[in-house]
PDB file of N, CA and C in Angstrom:
ATOM      1  N   UNK A   1     117.864  86.021 137.983  1.00  0.00           N
ATOM      2  CA  UNK A   1     117.675  85.956 136.553  1.00  0.00           C
ATOM      3  C   UNK A   1     117.305  87.334 136.024  1.00  0.00           C
ATOM      4  N   UNK A   2     117.722  87.606 134.806  1.00  0.00           N
ATOM      5  CA  UNK A   2     117.448  88.903 134.206  1.00  0.00           C
ATOM      6  C   UNK A   2     116.131  88.933 133.464  1.00  0.00           C
ATOM      7  N   UNK A   3     115.891  90.041 132.867  1.00  0.00           N
ATOM      8  CA  UNK A   3     114.657  90.263 132.122  1.00  0.00           C
ATOM      9  C   UNK A   3     114.547  89.339 130.913  1.00  0.00           C
ATOM     10  N   UNK A   4     115.669  88.915 130.341  1.00  0.00           N
ATOM     11  CA  UNK A   4     115.660  88.132 129.118  1.00  0.00           C
ATOM     12  C   UNK A   4     115.697  86.629 129.351  1.00  0.00           C
ATOM     13  N   UNK A   5     115.492  86.182 130.561  1.00  0.00           N
ATOM     14  CA  UNK A   5     115.529  84.741 130.813  1.00  0.00           C
ATOM     15  C   UNK A   5     114.287  84.333 131.590  1.00  0.00           C
ATOM     16  N   UNK A   6     113.900  83.102 131.400  1.00  0.00           N
ATOM     17  CA  UNK A   6     112.734  82.553 132.081  1.00  0.00           C
ATOM     18  C   UNK A   6     113.195  81.356 132.903  1.00  0.00           C
ATOM     19  N   UNK A   7     113.143  81.437 134.228  1.00  0.00           N
ATOM     20  CA  UNK A   7     113.639  80.335 135.049  1.00  0.00           C
ATOM     21  C   UNK A   7     112.840  79.052 134.870  1.00  0.00           C
ATOM     22  N   UNK A   8     111.629  79.119 134.318  1.00  0.00           N
ATOM     23  CA  UNK A   8     110.810  77.923 134.122  1.00  0.00           C
ATOM     24  C   UNK A   8     111.063  77.237 132.790  1.00  0.00           C
ATOM     25  N   UNK A   9     111.890  77.834 131.911  1.00  0.00           N
ATOM     26  CA  UNK A   9     112.183  77.171 130.638  1.00  0.00           C
ATOM     27  C   UNK A   9     113.144  76.012 130.892  1.00  0.00           C
ATOM     28  N   UNK A  10     113.176  75.016 129.993  1.00  0.00           N
ATOM     29  CA  UNK A  10     113.997  73.815 130.222  1.00  0.00           C
ATOM     30  C   UNK A  10     115.473  74.107 130.456  1.00  0.00           C
ATOM     31  N   UNK A  11     116.042  75.071 129.746  1.00  0.00           N
ATOM     32  CA  UNK A  11     117.472  75.363 129.885  1.00  0.00           C
ATOM     33  C   UNK A  11     117.745  76.387 130.978  1.00  0.00           C
ATOM     34  N   UNK A  12     116.701  76.841 131.659  1.00  0.00           N
ATOM     35  CA  UNK A  12     116.893  77.811 132.720  1.00  0.00           C
ATOM     36  C   UNK A  12     117.043  79.234 132.227  1.00  0.00           C
ATOM     37  N   UNK A  13     116.692  79.494 130.996  1.00  0.00           N
ATOM     38  CA  UNK A  13     116.788  80.848 130.460  1.00  0.00           C
ATOM     39  C   UNK A  13     116.951  80.833 128.961  1.00  0.00           C
ATOM     40  N   UNK A  14     117.271  81.992 128.420  1.00  0.00           N
ATOM     41  CA  UNK A  14     117.504  82.095 127.000  1.00  0.00           C
ATOM     42  C   UNK A  14     116.282  82.502 126.198  1.00  0.00           C
ATOM     43  N   UNK A  15     115.104  82.448 126.777  1.00  0.00           N
ATOM     44  CA  UNK A  15     113.891  82.821 126.058  1.00  0.00           C
ATOM     45  C   UNK A  15     113.453  84.202 126.528  1.00  0.00           C
ATOM     46  N   UNK A  16     113.127  85.085 125.597  1.00  0.00           N
ATOM     47  CA  UNK A  16     112.698  86.432 125.966  1.00  0.00           C
ATOM     48  C   UNK A  16     111.281  86.379 126.506  1.00  0.00           C
ATOM     49  N   UNK A  17     111.086  86.933 127.668  1.00  0.00           N
ATOM     50  CA  UNK A  17     109.751  87.007 128.247  1.00  0.00           C
ATOM     51  C   UNK A  17     109.389  88.459 128.419  1.00  0.00           C
ATOM     52  N   UNK A  18     108.349  88.878 127.758  1.00  0.00           N
ATOM     53  CA  UNK A  18     107.899  90.258 127.831  1.00  0.00           C
ATOM     54  C   UNK A  18     106.877  90.380 128.952  1.00  0.00           C
ATOM     55  N   UNK A  19     107.119  91.234 129.930  1.00  0.00           N
ATOM     56  CA  UNK A  19     106.175  91.364 131.022  1.00  0.00           C
ATOM     57  C   UNK A  19     104.911  92.110 130.623  1.00  0.00           C
ATOM     58  N   UNK A  20     104.796  92.513 129.390  1.00  0.00           N
ATOM     59  CA  UNK A  20     103.634  93.265 128.933  1.00  0.00           C
ATOM     60  C   UNK A  20     104.018  94.701 128.647  1.00  0.00           C
ATOM     61  N   UNK A  21     103.257  95.323 127.800  1.00  0.00           N
ATOM     62  CA  UNK A  21     103.516  96.703 127.439  1.00  0.00           C
ATOM     63  C   UNK A  21     103.331  96.909 125.946  1.00  0.00           C
ATOM     64  N   UNK A  22     103.899  97.961 125.429  1.00  0.00           N
ATOM     65  CA  UNK A  22     103.753  98.283 124.017  1.00  0.00           C
ATOM     66  C   UNK A  22     104.767  97.506 123.191  1.00  0.00           C
ATOM     67  N   UNK A  23     104.293  96.927 122.099  1.00  0.00           N
ATOM     68  CA  UNK A  23     105.148  96.149 121.201  1.00  0.00           C
ATOM     69  C   UNK A  23     104.857  96.559 119.760  1.00  0.00           C
ATOM     70  N   UNK A  24     105.866  96.531 118.923  1.00  0.00           N
ATOM     71  CA  UNK A  24     105.703  96.867 117.507  1.00  0.00           C
ATOM     72  C   UNK A  24     104.957  95.724 116.827  1.00  0.00           C
ATOM     73  N   UNK A  25     103.858  96.061 116.160  1.00  0.00           N
ATOM     74  CA  UNK A  25     103.100  95.013 115.485  1.00  0.00           C
ATOM     75  C   UNK A  25     103.356  95.001 113.984  1.00  0.00           C
ATOM     76  N   UNK A  26     103.658  96.158 113.381  1.00  0.00           N
ATOM     77  CA  UNK A  26     103.971  96.178 111.947  1.00  0.00           C
ATOM     78  C   UNK A  26     104.644  97.486 111.565  1.00  0.00           C
ATOM     79  N   UNK A  27     105.383  97.405 110.478  1.00  0.00           N
ATOM     80  CA  UNK A  27     106.036  98.576 109.887  1.00  0.00           C
ATOM     81  C   UNK A  27     105.687  98.554 108.403  1.00  0.00           C
ATOM     82  N   UNK A  28     105.136  99.661 107.900  1.00  0.00           N
ATOM     83  CA  UNK A  28     104.725  99.716 106.496  1.00  0.00           C
ATOM     84  C   UNK A  28     105.185 101.019 105.859  1.00  0.00           C
ATOM     85  N   UNK A  29     105.526 100.959 104.573  1.00  0.00           N
ATOM     86  CA  UNK A  29     105.902 102.193 103.864  1.00  0.00           C
ATOM     87  C   UNK A  29     104.674 103.042 103.550  1.00  0.00           C
ATOM     88  N   UNK A  30     104.903 104.341 103.417  1.00  0.00           N
ATOM     89  CA  UNK A  30     103.839 105.287 103.085  1.00  0.00           C
ATOM     90  C   UNK A  30     104.298 106.134 101.906  1.00  0.00           C
ATOM     91  N   UNK A  31     103.471 106.184 100.856  1.00  0.00           N
ATOM     92  CA  UNK A  31     103.691 107.089  99.730  1.00  0.00           C
ATOM     93  C   UNK A  31     102.390 107.838  99.534  1.00  0.00           C
ATOM     94  N   UNK A  32     102.400 109.131  99.822  1.00  0.00           N
ATOM     95  CA  UNK A  32     101.186 109.940  99.733  1.00  0.00           C
ATOM     96  C   UNK A  32     101.529 111.307  99.145  1.00  0.00           C
ATOM     97  N   UNK A  33     100.955 111.615  98.009  1.00  0.00           N
ATOM     98  CA  UNK A  33     101.276 112.870  97.332  1.00  0.00           C
ATOM     99  C   UNK A  33     100.832 114.086  98.135  1.00  0.00           C
ATOM    100  N   UNK A  34      99.855 113.933  99.001  1.00  0.00           N
ATOM    101  CA  UNK A  34      99.320 115.059  99.775  1.00  0.00           C
ATOM    102  C   UNK A  34     100.086 115.315 101.070  1.00  0.00           C
ATOM    103  N   UNK A  35     101.029 114.460 101.450  1.00  0.00           N
ATOM    104  CA  UNK A  35     101.823 114.647 102.661  1.00  0.00           C
ATOM    105  C   UNK A  35     103.135 115.344 102.318  1.00  0.00           C
ATOM    106  N   UNK A  36     103.103 116.658 102.283  1.00  0.00           N
ATOM    107  CA  UNK A  36     104.293 117.450 101.933  1.00  0.00           C
ATOM    108  C   UNK A  36     105.003 117.929 103.191  1.00  0.00           C
ATOM    109  N   UNK A  37     105.371 117.019 104.042  1.00  0.00           N
ATOM    110  CA  UNK A  37     106.067 117.365 105.272  1.00  0.00           C
ATOM    111  C   UNK A  37     107.130 116.321 105.566  1.00  0.00           C
ATOM    112  N   UNK A  38     108.068 116.710 106.421  1.00  0.00           N
ATOM    113  CA  UNK A  38     109.120 115.797 106.877  1.00  0.00           C
ATOM    114  C   UNK A  38     109.133 115.823 108.401  1.00  0.00           C
ATOM    115  N   UNK A  39     109.339 114.676 109.005  1.00  0.00           N
ATOM    116  CA  UNK A  39     109.396 114.617 110.463  1.00  0.00           C
ATOM    117  C   UNK A  39     108.615 113.442 111.011  1.00  0.00           C
ATOM    118  N   UNK A  40     108.112 113.604 112.263  1.00  0.00           N
ATOM    119  CA  UNK A  40     107.425 112.552 112.987  1.00  0.00           C
ATOM    120  C   UNK A  40     106.018 113.007 113.347  1.00  0.00           C
ATOM    121  N   UNK A  41     105.087 112.065 113.374  1.00  0.00           N
ATOM    122  CA  UNK A  41     103.717 112.352 113.803  1.00  0.00           C
ATOM    123  C   UNK A  41     103.186 111.137 114.548  1.00  0.00           C
ATOM    124  N   UNK A  42     102.621 111.335 115.749  1.00  0.00           N
ATOM    125  CA  UNK A  42     102.044 110.256 116.542  1.00  0.00           C
ATOM    126  C   UNK A  42     100.524 110.301 116.411  1.00  0.00           C
ATOM    127  N   UNK A  43      99.918 109.244 115.883  1.00  0.00           N
ATOM    128  CA  UNK A  43      98.469 109.115 115.766  1.00  0.00           C
ATOM    129  C   UNK A  43      97.971 108.371 117.004  1.00  0.00           C
ATOM    130  N   UNK A  44      97.294 109.095 117.906  1.00  0.00           N
ATOM    131  CA  UNK A  44      96.875 108.511 119.181  1.00  0.00           C
ATOM    132  C   UNK A  44      95.800 107.448 119.019  1.00  0.00           C
ATOM    133  N   UNK A  45      94.870 107.645 118.098  1.00  0.00           N
ATOM    134  CA  UNK A  45      93.774 106.692 117.935  1.00  0.00           C
ATOM    135  C   UNK A  45      94.247 105.357 117.372  1.00  0.00           C
ATOM    136  N   UNK A  46      95.130 105.393 116.380  1.00  0.00           N
ATOM    137  CA  UNK A  46      95.582 104.164 115.727  1.00  0.00           C
ATOM    138  C   UNK A  46      96.886 103.631 116.313  1.00  0.00           C
ATOM    139  N   UNK A  47      97.477 104.336 117.261  1.00  0.00           N
ATOM    140  CA  UNK A  47      98.752 103.944 117.891  1.00  0.00           C
ATOM    141  C   UNK A  47      99.831 103.737 116.827  1.00  0.00           C
ATOM    142  N   UNK A  48     100.004 104.751 115.983  1.00  0.00           N
ATOM    143  CA  UNK A  48     101.006 104.683 114.914  1.00  0.00           C
ATOM    144  C   UNK A  48     101.948 105.875 115.006  1.00  0.00           C
ATOM    145  N   UNK A  49     103.211 105.608 114.724  1.00  0.00           N
ATOM    146  CA  UNK A  49     104.212 106.655 114.607  1.00  0.00           C
ATOM    147  C   UNK A  49     104.564 106.774 113.122  1.00  0.00           C
ATOM    148  N   UNK A  50     104.221 107.913 112.530  1.00  0.00           N
ATOM    149  CA  UNK A  50     104.546 108.173 111.131  1.00  0.00           C
ATOM    150  C   UNK A  50     105.890 108.877 111.059  1.00  0.00           C
ATOM    151  N   UNK A  51     106.756 108.404 110.183  1.00  0.00           N
ATOM    152  CA  UNK A  51     108.068 109.007 109.975  1.00  0.00           C
ATOM    153  C   UNK A  51     108.175 109.316 108.485  1.00  0.00           C
ATOM    154  N   UNK A  52     108.224 110.606 108.150  1.00  0.00           N
ATOM    155  CA  UNK A  52     108.364 111.022 106.756  1.00  0.00           C
ATOM    156  C   UNK A  52     109.804 111.479 106.553  1.00  0.00           C
ATOM    157  N   UNK A  53     110.576 110.682 105.821  1.00  0.00           N
ATOM    158  CA  UNK A  53     111.995 110.977 105.609  1.00  0.00           C
ATOM    159  C   UNK A  53     112.192 111.971 104.464  1.00  0.00           C
ATOM    160  N   UNK A  54     111.287 111.979 103.518  1.00  0.00           N
ATOM    161  CA  UNK A  54     111.246 112.939 102.418  1.00  0.00           C
ATOM    162  C   UNK A  54     109.798 113.367 102.246  1.00  0.00           C
ATOM    163  N   UNK A  55     109.551 114.535 101.656  1.00  0.00           N
ATOM    164  CA  UNK A  55     108.150 114.890 101.397  1.00  0.00           C
ATOM    165  C   UNK A  55     107.478 113.796 100.556  1.00  0.00           C
ATOM    166  N   UNK A  56     106.310 113.354 100.981  1.00  0.00           N
ATOM    167  CA  UNK A  56     105.494 112.326 100.317  1.00  0.00           C
ATOM    168  C   UNK A  56     106.035 110.909 100.464  1.00  0.00           C
ATOM    169  N   UNK A  57     107.126 110.682 101.151  1.00  0.00           N
ATOM    170  CA  UNK A  57     107.721 109.353 101.253  1.00  0.00           C
ATOM    171  C   UNK A  57     108.159 109.073 102.696  1.00  0.00           C
ATOM    172  N   UNK A  58     107.695 107.955 103.236  1.00  0.00           N
ATOM    173  CA  UNK A  58     108.069 107.603 104.602  1.00  0.00           C
ATOM    174  C   UNK A  58     107.552 106.226 104.972  1.00  0.00           C
ATOM    175  N   UNK A  59     107.360 106.013 106.266  1.00  0.00           N
ATOM    176  CA  UNK A  59     106.842 104.746 106.768  1.00  0.00           C
ATOM    177  C   UNK A  59     106.147 105.005 108.089  1.00  0.00           C
ATOM    178  N   UNK A  60     105.364 104.011 108.526  1.00  0.00           N
ATOM    179  CA  UNK A  60     104.781 104.109 109.859  1.00  0.00           C
ATOM    180  C   UNK A  60     105.060 102.843 110.644  1.00  0.00           C
ATOM    181  N   UNK A  61     105.126 103.012 111.953  1.00  0.00           N
ATOM    182  CA  UNK A  61     105.334 101.916 112.890  1.00  0.00           C
ATOM    183  C   UNK A  61     104.075 101.834 113.742  1.00  0.00           C
ATOM    184  N   UNK A  62     103.424 100.668 113.727  1.00  0.00           N
ATOM    185  CA  UNK A  62     102.189 100.483 114.482  1.00  0.00           C
ATOM    186  C   UNK A  62     102.487  99.702 115.754  1.00  0.00           C
ATOM    187  N   UNK A  63     101.912 100.152 116.866  1.00  0.00           N
ATOM    188  CA  UNK A  63     102.147  99.546 118.172  1.00  0.00           C
ATOM    189  C   UNK A  63     100.856  98.930 118.704  1.00  0.00           C
ATOM    190  N   UNK A  64     100.975  97.791 119.369  1.00  0.00           N
ATOM    191  CA  UNK A  64      99.869  97.147 120.073  1.00  0.00           C
ATOM    192  C   UNK A  64     100.256  96.998 121.534  1.00  0.00           C
ATOM    193  N   UNK A  65      99.261  97.073 122.409  1.00  0.00           N
ATOM    194  CA  UNK A  65      99.508  96.835 123.818  1.00  0.00           C
ATOM    195  C   UNK A  65      99.322  95.354 124.090  1.00  0.00           C
ATOM    196  N   UNK A  66     100.338  94.719 124.638  1.00  0.00           N
ATOM    197  CA  UNK A  66     100.307  93.294 124.941  1.00  0.00           C
ATOM    198  C   UNK A  66     100.232  93.135 126.453  1.00  0.00           C
ATOM    199  N   UNK A  67      99.221  92.406 126.894  1.00  0.00           N
ATOM    200  CA  UNK A  67      99.081  92.168 128.329  1.00  0.00           C
ATOM    201  C   UNK A  67     100.120  91.149 128.779  1.00  0.00           C
ATOM    202  N   UNK A  68     100.560  91.220 130.018  1.00  0.00           N
ATOM    203  CA  UNK A  68     101.546  90.249 130.504  1.00  0.00           C
ATOM    204  C   UNK A  68     100.953  88.850 130.564  1.00  0.00           C
ATOM    205  N   UNK A  69     101.792  87.829 130.416  1.00  0.00           N
ATOM    206  CA  UNK A  69     101.294  86.460 130.512  1.00  0.00           C
ATOM    207  C   UNK A  69     100.813  86.161 131.928  1.00  0.00           C
ATOM    208  N   UNK A  70      99.817  85.302 132.020  1.00  0.00           N
ATOM    209  CA  UNK A  70      99.276  84.917 133.327  1.00  0.00           C
ATOM    210  C   UNK A  70      99.390  83.415 133.482  1.00  0.00           C
ATOM    211  N   UNK A  71      99.447  82.965 134.714  1.00  0.00           N
ATOM    212  CA  UNK A  71      99.495  81.529 134.971  1.00  0.00           C
ATOM    213  C   UNK A  71      98.081  81.024 135.204  1.00  0.00           C
ATOM    214  N   UNK A  72      97.726  79.923 134.549  1.00  0.00           N
ATOM    215  CA  UNK A  72      96.412  79.328 134.785  1.00  0.00           C
ATOM    216  C   UNK A  72      96.497  78.369 135.974  1.00  0.00           C
ATOM    217  N   UNK A  73      95.423  77.663 136.266  1.00  0.00           N
ATOM    218  CA  UNK A  73      95.374  76.822 137.459  1.00  0.00           C
ATOM    219  C   UNK A  73      96.355  75.652 137.410  1.00  0.00           C
ATOM    220  N   UNK A  74      96.779  75.236 136.199  1.00  0.00           N
ATOM    221  CA  UNK A  74      97.713  74.114 136.108  1.00  0.00           C
ATOM    222  C   UNK A  74      99.172  74.555 136.187  1.00  0.00           C
ATOM    223  N   UNK A  75      99.410  75.870 136.330  1.00  0.00           N
ATOM    224  CA  UNK A  75     100.772  76.372 136.444  1.00  0.00           C
ATOM    225  C   UNK A  75     101.404  76.727 135.118  1.00  0.00           C
ATOM    226  N   UNK A  76     100.676  76.509 134.022  1.00  0.00           N
ATOM    227  CA  UNK A  76     101.197  76.868 132.693  1.00  0.00           C
ATOM    228  C   UNK A  76     100.922  78.340 132.415  1.00  0.00           C
ATOM    229  N   UNK A  77     101.774  78.929 131.584  1.00  0.00           N
ATOM    230  CA  UNK A  77     101.596  80.344 131.257  1.00  0.00           C
ATOM    231  C   UNK A  77     100.766  80.477 129.996  1.00  0.00           C
ATOM    232  N   UNK A  78      99.736  81.277 130.065  1.00  0.00           N
ATOM    233  CA  UNK A  78      98.910  81.601 128.909  1.00  0.00           C
ATOM    234  C   UNK A  78      99.167  83.052 128.556  1.00  0.00           C
ATOM    235  N   UNK A  79      99.224  83.343 127.262  1.00  0.00           N
ATOM    236  CA  UNK A  79      99.363  84.730 126.857  1.00  0.00           C
ATOM    237  C   UNK A  79      97.983  85.272 126.542  1.00  0.00           C
ATOM    238  N   UNK A  80      97.766  86.491 126.955  1.00  0.00           N
ATOM    239  CA  UNK A  80      96.491  87.151 126.744  1.00  0.00           C
ATOM    240  C   UNK A  80      96.657  88.081 125.560  1.00  0.00           C
ATOM    241  N   UNK A  81      95.671  88.139 124.679  1.00  0.00           N
ATOM    242  CA  UNK A  81      95.760  88.914 123.444  1.00  0.00           C
ATOM    243  C   UNK A  81      95.783  90.412 123.649  1.00  0.00           C
ATOM    244  N   UNK A  82      95.764  91.118 122.558  1.00  0.00           N
ATOM    245  CA  UNK A  82      95.857  92.569 122.540  1.00  0.00           C
ATOM    246  C   UNK A  82      94.551  93.197 123.005  1.00  0.00           C
ATOM    247  N   UNK A  83      94.618  94.372 123.591  1.00  0.00           N
ATOM    248  CA  UNK A  83      93.411  95.080 123.993  1.00  0.00           C
ATOM    249  C   UNK A  83      92.837  95.916 122.849  1.00  0.00           C
ATOM    250  N   UNK A  84      93.540  95.975 121.734  1.00  0.00           N
ATOM    251  CA  UNK A  84      93.131  96.809 120.616  1.00  0.00           C
ATOM    252  C   UNK A  84      91.828  96.315 120.001  1.00  0.00           C
ATOM    253  N   UNK A  85      90.962  97.245 119.649  1.00  0.00           N
ATOM    254  CA  UNK A  85      89.691  96.921 119.003  1.00  0.00           C
ATOM    255  C   UNK A  85      89.850  97.133 117.512  1.00  0.00           C
ATOM    256  N   UNK A  86      89.508  96.162 116.738  1.00  0.00           N
ATOM    257  CA  UNK A  86      89.620  96.258 115.278  1.00  0.00           C
ATOM    258  C   UNK A  86      88.281  96.603 114.690  1.00  0.00           C
TER     259      UNK A  86
END
């Protein structure tokens, strides 16, 4: 089975299973008169990628780390939340 299928699902696959890692949590527009630059900026503390397509106008992509699902004692898969501190 490939990465995009789960052998334990009823149809034998078709459901995306993420083994854990970085996932996009939100994308928001940015309009800031003081940002007179174009390009990319990675904010390490907030895990955001800022993309300014025009001076003062752009968007950011926020990433969260998702832990891989674990099996509990009954054999069911539980998903564990984000490690991010709010």
